[in-house]
Amino acid sequence: MGASGTGSSGDGTVGGLGEFGLIDAVVSRFPVTPDVLLGPGDDAAVVAAPDSRVVASTDLLVEGRHFRRDWSSAHEIGRKAAAQNLADIVAMGARPTALLVGLGAPPDLPSDWALGLADGLAEECGQVGATVVGGDVVRSDDVVLAVTALGDLEGRDPVRRSGAQPGDVVAVAGRLGWSAAGLAVLGRGFRSPRVLVDAHRVPAPPYAAGRAAALAGATSMIDVSDGLLQDAGHIATASDAVLAIESSAVEVADPVRDAAAAFNADPLEWVLRGGEDHALLATFPPGADIPDGFVVIGEVTEGDAGVLLDGRPVTGKAGHDHFA
């Protein structure tokens, strides 16, 4: 991990622990996996690339925008930060191998919080056999995380957004609407139902489904981070095709439905337009053996690129936009 700034006294804060003390404590949380040829400690890490190609993706998480420390523990924020980046790698049909993590932190941030964050990162990486191999620590007014994920295609072509063809079926794997429902619960000052709050704090991407989709011949795929309809639109635009989705085929889980009833909300709006569940949306050629975990929710048709919902063009807000 890199270096910027200094610290002094051991007062239980990251400032007191000091930059290099913090780095040493954090690095000890991350195991060395077979993909890591040279781990933290030098100017850069060395990660194996058996395929000769590296899949790479990056995300920023800003306190107050992507997480709140009064709503989520450091461990949960670490898991969330890792999950949303690992989901991008599996959405390409690749196997995640490593993360690089940059942490901006105020000097009075408790050192235990930073270590809890590291433990959360390590736990989520452990689900896919990846690890953190380096990063940087700097002083900032708020907590900011910059995470870069790396992956291995294992000899396969990447599954891009641009491969959907008319006649393909549209299918989704993973939960939808759970995080949006959990955000609504937290936003109203509640901490239950716990299953929804936990889903917002820590997403559950269907990691294995990405590789399974690639092996099944998926023609396109995307991580549903900003809403099903919005991310379906990204595939439609990239593929110059129409993704026709049937709302009746999209599952509305009982906890999501119950929360919507309690708040006088439409649960389908959370499912169709809510983000941060990190499900996988994919298209498959006709007659393909759809992998377990995927549910068919529509088809790809010809026409001007876009998304149809129950036969009608999607209008208005389709999902999350950082600058809307």
Protein backbone atom coordinates (compact mmCIF):
# COMPACT_ATOMS: atom_id res chain seq x y z
CA MET A 1 0.00 0.00 0.00
CA GLY A 2 1.19 3.52 -0.72
CA ALA A 3 2.09 6.30 1.67
CA SER A 4 0.88 9.87 2.23
CA GLY A 5 1.08 11.76 5.58
CA THR A 6 2.18 10.96 9.12
CA GLY A 7 0.74 10.23 12.55
CA SER A 8 2.01 10.14 16.10
CA SER A 9 0.43 9.07 19.38
CA GLY A 10 -1.35 5.77 20.00
CA ASP A 11 -4.73 7.24 20.99
CA GLY A 12 -6.99 4.69 19.30
CA THR A 13 -7.37 6.66 16.08
CA VAL A 14 -5.85 6.20 12.65
CA GLY A 15 -3.94 9.43 13.23
CA GLY A 16 -2.54 8.06 16.45
CA LEU A 17 -1.70 4.70 14.89
CA GLY A 18 0.14 6.48 12.11
CA GLU A 19 0.07 5.82 8.41
CA PHE A 20 2.59 3.02 8.37
CA GLY A 21 1.24 1.47 11.56
CA LEU A 22 -2.21 1.50 9.98
CA ILE A 23 -0.91 -0.06 6.78
CA ASP A 24 0.88 -2.81 8.71
CA ALA A 25 -2.23 -3.58 10.75
CA VAL A 26 -4.49 -3.62 7.70
CA VAL A 27 -2.21 -5.72 5.51
CA SER A 28 -2.08 -8.43 8.16
CA ARG A 29 -5.81 -9.01 7.57
CA PHE A 30 -5.39 -10.17 3.98
CA PRO A 31 -4.29 -13.71 3.09
CA VAL A 32 -1.96 -14.49 0.21
CA THR A 33 -3.85 -16.49 -2.42
CA PRO A 34 -2.37 -18.58 -5.26
CA ASP A 35 -2.99 -15.67 -7.67
CA VAL A 36 -0.67 -13.38 -5.69
CA LEU A 37 2.94 -13.70 -6.80
CA LEU A 38 4.06 -10.67 -4.79
CA GLY A 39 1.86 -9.15 -2.14
CA PRO A 40 1.91 -5.83 -0.27
CA GLY A 41 5.29 -4.45 0.78
CA ASP A 42 6.83 -3.21 -2.46
CA ASP A 43 5.88 -0.31 -4.71
CA ALA A 44 3.38 -2.58 -6.48
CA ALA A 45 1.98 -6.08 -6.16
CA VAL A 46 2.30 -8.80 -8.78
CA VAL A 47 -0.79 -10.86 -9.57
CA ALA A 48 -0.76 -13.89 -11.86
CA ALA A 49 -2.54 -13.57 -15.20
CA PRO A 50 -2.69 -17.13 -16.57
CA ASP A 51 -5.00 -16.02 -19.38
CA SER A 52 -2.55 -13.21 -20.38
CA ARG A 53 -5.48 -10.77 -20.12
CA VAL A 54 -6.63 -8.96 -16.97
CA VAL A 55 -10.20 -7.86 -16.34
CA ALA A 56 -10.22 -4.61 -14.34
CA SER A 57 -12.92 -2.43 -12.82
CA THR A 58 -13.04 0.36 -10.25
CA ASP A 59 -15.59 2.07 -8.02
CA LEU A 60 -15.65 4.95 -5.56
CA LEU A 61 -17.61 4.95 -2.30
CA VAL A 62 -18.07 8.27 -0.53
CA GLU A 63 -19.34 8.62 3.02
CA GLY A 64 -22.81 10.15 3.09
CA ARG A 65 -23.44 9.18 -0.52
CA HIS A 66 -22.81 5.44 -0.67
CA PHE A 67 -22.79 4.57 3.02
CA ARG A 68 -23.41 6.06 6.45
CA ARG A 69 -21.38 5.07 9.47
CA ASP A 70 -24.45 5.39 11.70
CA TRP A 71 -26.31 2.90 9.51
CA SER A 72 -23.58 0.38 8.75
CA SER A 73 -20.64 -1.06 10.63
CA ALA A 74 -17.12 -0.83 9.25
CA HIS A 75 -17.20 -4.57 8.57
CA GLU A 76 -20.42 -4.21 6.55
CA ILE A 77 -19.05 -1.28 4.57
CA GLY A 78 -15.95 -3.30 3.75
CA ARG A 79 -18.04 -6.19 2.50
CA LYS A 80 -20.22 -3.85 0.44
CA ALA A 81 -17.20 -2.15 -1.12
CA ALA A 82 -15.73 -5.48 -2.12
CA ALA A 83 -19.02 -6.97 -3.31
CA GLN A 84 -19.91 -4.21 -5.73
CA ASN A 85 -16.50 -4.46 -7.37
CA LEU A 86 -16.34 -8.24 -7.45
CA ALA A 87 -19.80 -8.24 -9.06
CA ASP A 88 -18.42 -6.20 -11.98
CA ILE A 89 -15.75 -8.83 -12.58
CA VAL A 90 -18.14 -11.80 -12.55
CA ALA A 91 -20.50 -9.85 -14.84
CA MET A 92 -17.77 -10.14 -17.49
CA GLY A 93 -17.75 -13.90 -17.02
CA ALA A 94 -14.40 -13.72 -15.21
CA ARG A 95 -13.03 -15.06 -11.95
CA PRO A 96 -12.08 -12.34 -9.43
CA THR A 97 -8.46 -12.53 -8.29
CA ALA A 98 -7.52 -9.37 -6.37
CA LEU A 99 -8.54 -5.94 -5.09
CA LEU A 100 -6.59 -2.71 -4.71
CA VAL A 101 -8.07 -0.40 -2.08
CA GLY A 102 -7.50 3.30 -1.51
CA LEU A 103 -8.72 4.68 1.81
CA GLY A 104 -9.19 8.35 2.60
CA ALA A 105 -9.84 8.85 6.31
CA PRO A 106 -10.03 11.69 8.85
CA PRO A 107 -7.27 11.42 11.47
CA ASP A 108 -9.77 11.01 14.30
CA LEU A 109 -11.34 7.92 12.72
CA PRO A 110 -11.07 5.08 15.27
CA SER A 111 -8.36 2.65 14.25
CA ASP A 112 -10.68 -0.23 15.15
CA TRP A 113 -13.07 1.07 12.49
CA ALA A 114 -10.38 0.91 9.82
CA LEU A 115 -9.42 -2.59 10.88
CA GLY A 116 -13.07 -3.66 10.83
CA LEU A 117 -13.28 -2.33 7.29
CA ALA A 118 -10.28 -4.44 6.35
CA ASP A 119 -11.86 -7.52 7.90
CA GLY A 120 -15.03 -6.92 5.87
CA LEU A 121 -13.04 -6.59 2.66
CA ALA A 122 -11.18 -9.80 3.45
CA GLU A 123 -14.35 -11.74 4.26
CA GLU A 124 -16.12 -10.77 1.05
CA CYS A 125 -13.04 -11.49 -1.05
CA GLY A 126 -12.85 -14.90 0.61
CA GLN A 127 -16.18 -15.85 -0.94
CA VAL A 128 -14.60 -15.85 -4.40
CA GLY A 129 -11.02 -16.77 -3.54
CA ALA A 130 -9.66 -13.25 -4.05
CA THR A 131 -7.67 -11.00 -1.71
CA VAL A 132 -6.50 -7.40 -1.28
CA VAL A 133 -2.98 -6.94 -2.66
CA GLY A 134 -2.35 -3.24 -2.07
CA GLY A 135 -3.67 0.30 -2.21
CA ASP A 136 -3.10 3.63 -0.49
CA VAL A 137 -4.01 5.54 2.67
CA VAL A 138 -4.47 9.32 2.75
CA ARG A 139 -5.97 11.94 5.04
CA SER A 140 -9.41 13.28 4.06
CA ASP A 141 -12.33 15.07 5.68
CA ASP A 142 -14.69 12.12 5.18
CA VAL A 143 -14.21 8.42 4.66
CA VAL A 144 -13.67 7.66 0.97
CA LEU A 145 -12.96 4.27 -0.56
CA ALA A 146 -11.56 3.67 -4.03
CA VAL A 147 -11.59 -0.01 -4.96
CA THR A 148 -10.13 -1.60 -8.07
CA ALA A 149 -10.93 -5.24 -8.82
CA LEU A 150 -8.94 -7.57 -11.06
CA GLY A 151 -10.05 -10.82 -12.64
CA ASP A 152 -9.04 -13.74 -14.87
CA LEU A 153 -11.06 -14.83 -17.92
CA GLU A 154 -9.68 -18.40 -17.73
CA GLY A 155 -9.36 -18.58 -21.51
CA ARG A 156 -12.92 -17.46 -22.29
CA ASP A 157 -14.04 -14.41 -24.20
CA PRO A 158 -15.41 -11.64 -21.98
CA VAL A 159 -19.19 -11.43 -21.86
CA ARG A 160 -19.86 -7.88 -22.98
CA ARG A 161 -22.97 -5.71 -22.98
CA SER A 162 -22.98 -5.51 -26.77
CA GLY A 163 -23.74 -9.11 -27.75
CA ALA A 164 -27.51 -9.39 -27.33
CA GLN A 165 -29.30 -10.51 -30.50
CA PRO A 166 -32.99 -10.58 -31.49
CA GLY A 167 -34.42 -13.90 -30.40
CA ASP A 168 -32.26 -14.15 -27.27
CA VAL A 169 -33.97 -14.63 -23.94
CA VAL A 170 -33.41 -12.16 -21.09
CA ALA A 171 -32.76 -13.65 -17.65
CA VAL A 172 -31.75 -12.42 -14.22
CA ALA A 173 -29.97 -14.08 -11.30
CA GLY A 174 -29.92 -12.73 -7.76
CA ARG A 175 -32.10 -10.51 -5.61
CA LEU A 176 -33.87 -7.39 -6.83
CA GLY A 177 -35.49 -4.68 -4.75
CA TRP A 178 -34.05 -5.84 -1.44
CA SER A 179 -31.49 -3.05 -1.08
CA ALA A 180 -33.97 -0.36 -2.11
CA ALA A 181 -36.46 -1.69 0.44
CA GLY A 182 -33.76 -1.72 3.12
CA LEU A 183 -32.82 1.86 2.26
CA ALA A 184 -36.45 2.88 2.60
CA VAL A 185 -36.60 1.22 6.03
CA LEU A 186 -33.45 2.98 7.22
CA GLY A 187 -34.55 6.27 5.74
CA ARG A 188 -37.68 6.16 7.86
CA GLY A 189 -35.67 5.66 11.04
CA PHE A 190 -36.31 1.93 11.47
CA ARG A 191 -33.86 -0.96 11.80
CA SER A 192 -36.23 -3.79 10.88
CA PRO A 193 -37.14 -5.92 9.01
CA ARG A 194 -33.55 -6.92 9.60
CA VAL A 195 -33.39 -9.04 6.45
CA LEU A 196 -33.98 -5.95 4.30
CA VAL A 197 -31.69 -3.66 6.29
CA ASP A 198 -28.94 -6.28 6.05
CA ALA A 199 -29.52 -6.57 2.30
CA HIS A 200 -28.87 -2.84 1.94
CA ARG A 201 -25.83 -2.90 4.19
CA VAL A 202 -24.27 -5.96 2.52
CA PRO A 203 -25.38 -7.02 -0.98
CA ALA A 204 -25.33 -10.68 -2.01
CA PRO A 205 -24.18 -10.88 -5.64
CA PRO A 206 -24.71 -14.30 -7.24
CA TYR A 207 -20.99 -14.73 -7.83
CA ALA A 208 -21.13 -18.26 -9.27
CA ALA A 209 -23.80 -17.25 -11.76
CA GLY A 210 -21.38 -15.10 -13.77
CA ARG A 211 -19.09 -17.97 -14.72
CA ALA A 212 -22.07 -20.27 -15.22
CA ALA A 213 -23.63 -17.78 -17.64
CA ALA A 214 -20.39 -17.47 -19.59
CA LEU A 215 -20.08 -21.24 -19.88
CA ALA A 216 -23.72 -21.46 -21.00
CA GLY A 217 -23.02 -19.08 -23.88
CA ALA A 218 -24.46 -15.84 -22.55
CA THR A 219 -24.43 -13.26 -25.33
CA SER A 220 -24.40 -10.26 -22.97
CA MET A 221 -24.34 -9.61 -19.25
CA ILE A 222 -24.31 -6.73 -16.77
CA ASP A 223 -24.13 -6.20 -13.02
CA VAL A 224 -27.45 -4.68 -11.89
CA SER A 225 -26.09 -1.90 -9.73
CA ASP A 226 -28.32 1.04 -10.73
CA GLY A 227 -31.68 -0.64 -11.32
CA LEU A 228 -32.94 -3.47 -13.54
CA LEU A 229 -34.53 -1.21 -16.15
CA GLN A 230 -31.61 1.20 -16.30
CA ASP A 231 -29.01 -1.53 -16.64
CA ALA A 232 -31.16 -3.36 -19.18
CA GLY A 233 -31.01 -0.11 -21.12
CA HIS A 234 -27.22 -0.27 -21.14
CA ILE A 235 -27.37 -3.70 -22.80
CA ALA A 236 -30.01 -2.47 -25.24
CA THR A 237 -27.94 0.56 -26.24
CA ALA A 238 -24.68 -1.36 -26.55
CA SER A 239 -26.36 -4.15 -28.54
CA ASP A 240 -28.57 -1.83 -30.63
CA ALA A 241 -31.56 -3.97 -29.74
CA VAL A 242 -34.74 -3.96 -27.67
CA LEU A 243 -34.96 -5.75 -24.33
CA ALA A 244 -38.63 -6.57 -23.76
CA ILE A 245 -39.24 -7.35 -20.09
CA GLU A 246 -42.42 -8.74 -18.56
CA SER A 247 -43.04 -7.41 -15.06
CA SER A 248 -45.07 -10.50 -14.15
CA ALA A 249 -41.96 -12.64 -14.63
CA VAL A 250 -39.83 -10.57 -12.23
CA GLU A 251 -39.95 -11.91 -8.68
CA VAL A 252 -41.13 -9.64 -5.90
CA ALA A 253 -39.93 -11.30 -2.69
CA ASP A 254 -42.29 -11.42 0.29
CA PRO A 255 -40.13 -9.19 2.55
CA VAL A 256 -40.01 -6.53 -0.18
CA ARG A 257 -43.76 -6.77 -0.74
CA ASP A 258 -44.49 -6.56 2.99
CA ALA A 259 -42.29 -3.49 3.47
CA ALA A 260 -43.91 -1.75 0.52
CA ALA A 261 -47.35 -2.42 1.98
CA ALA A 262 -46.26 -0.94 5.32
CA PHE A 263 -44.95 2.21 3.60
CA ASN A 264 -47.76 2.47 1.04
CA ALA A 265 -45.18 2.04 -1.71
CA ASP A 266 -45.13 0.04 -4.94
CA PRO A 267 -42.81 -2.95 -4.45
CA LEU A 268 -42.38 -3.34 -8.20
CA GLU A 269 -40.76 0.09 -8.33
CA TRP A 270 -38.08 -1.08 -5.91
CA VAL A 271 -37.56 -4.26 -7.92
CA LEU A 272 -37.42 -2.57 -11.33
CA ARG A 273 -35.65 0.67 -10.45
CA GLY A 274 -33.87 0.06 -7.14
CA GLY A 275 -30.11 -0.31 -7.18
CA GLU A 276 -27.27 -1.90 -5.21
CA ASP A 277 -28.53 -5.49 -5.21
CA HIS A 278 -25.85 -6.47 -7.72
CA ALA A 279 -27.89 -9.14 -9.43
CA LEU A 280 -26.75 -10.30 -12.87
CA LEU A 281 -28.80 -9.59 -15.99
CA ALA A 282 -27.88 -11.66 -19.02
CA THR A 283 -29.13 -12.67 -22.44
CA PHE A 284 -28.89 -16.18 -23.84
CA PRO A 285 -29.37 -17.53 -27.37
CA PRO A 286 -32.58 -19.41 -28.18
CA GLY A 287 -32.48 -22.99 -26.93
CA ALA A 288 -29.61 -22.33 -24.52
CA ASP A 289 -29.54 -24.29 -21.29
CA ILE A 290 -30.25 -21.46 -18.84
CA PRO A 291 -28.04 -21.94 -15.74
CA ASP A 292 -29.57 -22.64 -12.36
CA GLY A 293 -30.36 -19.44 -10.51
CA PHE A 294 -31.37 -17.48 -13.60
CA VAL A 295 -35.02 -16.64 -14.21
CA VAL A 296 -36.22 -15.73 -17.69
CA ILE A 297 -37.96 -12.34 -17.63
CA GLY A 298 -38.20 -11.38 -21.29
CA GLU A 299 -36.69 -11.49 -24.75
CA VAL A 300 -34.55 -9.48 -27.13
CA THR A 301 -36.37 -8.07 -30.16
CA GLU A 302 -35.60 -5.85 -33.12
CA GLY A 303 -36.28 -2.14 -33.15
CA ASP A 304 -34.81 1.12 -31.93
CA ALA A 305 -32.52 0.40 -28.99
CA GLY A 306 -34.37 0.59 -25.70
CA VAL A 307 -36.32 -1.25 -23.04
CA LEU A 308 -39.96 -2.29 -23.18
CA LEU A 309 -41.85 -3.06 -20.00
CA ASP A 310 -45.00 -5.06 -20.62
CA GLY A 311 -44.87 -3.96 -24.23
CA ARG A 312 -44.48 -0.24 -23.57
CA PRO A 313 -41.32 1.89 -23.76
CA VAL A 314 -39.83 2.69 -20.37
CA THR A 315 -40.21 6.38 -19.61
CA GLY A 316 -39.10 8.56 -16.72
CA LYS A 317 -36.46 7.58 -14.21
CA ALA A 318 -35.25 4.04 -14.92
CA GLY A 319 -32.80 3.79 -12.03
CA HIS A 320 -30.06 5.54 -10.10
CA ASP A 321 -28.05 8.39 -11.63
CA HIS A 322 -25.28 9.95 -9.50
CA PHE A 323 -25.77 13.36 -11.06
CA ALA A 324 -29.57 13.38 -11.41
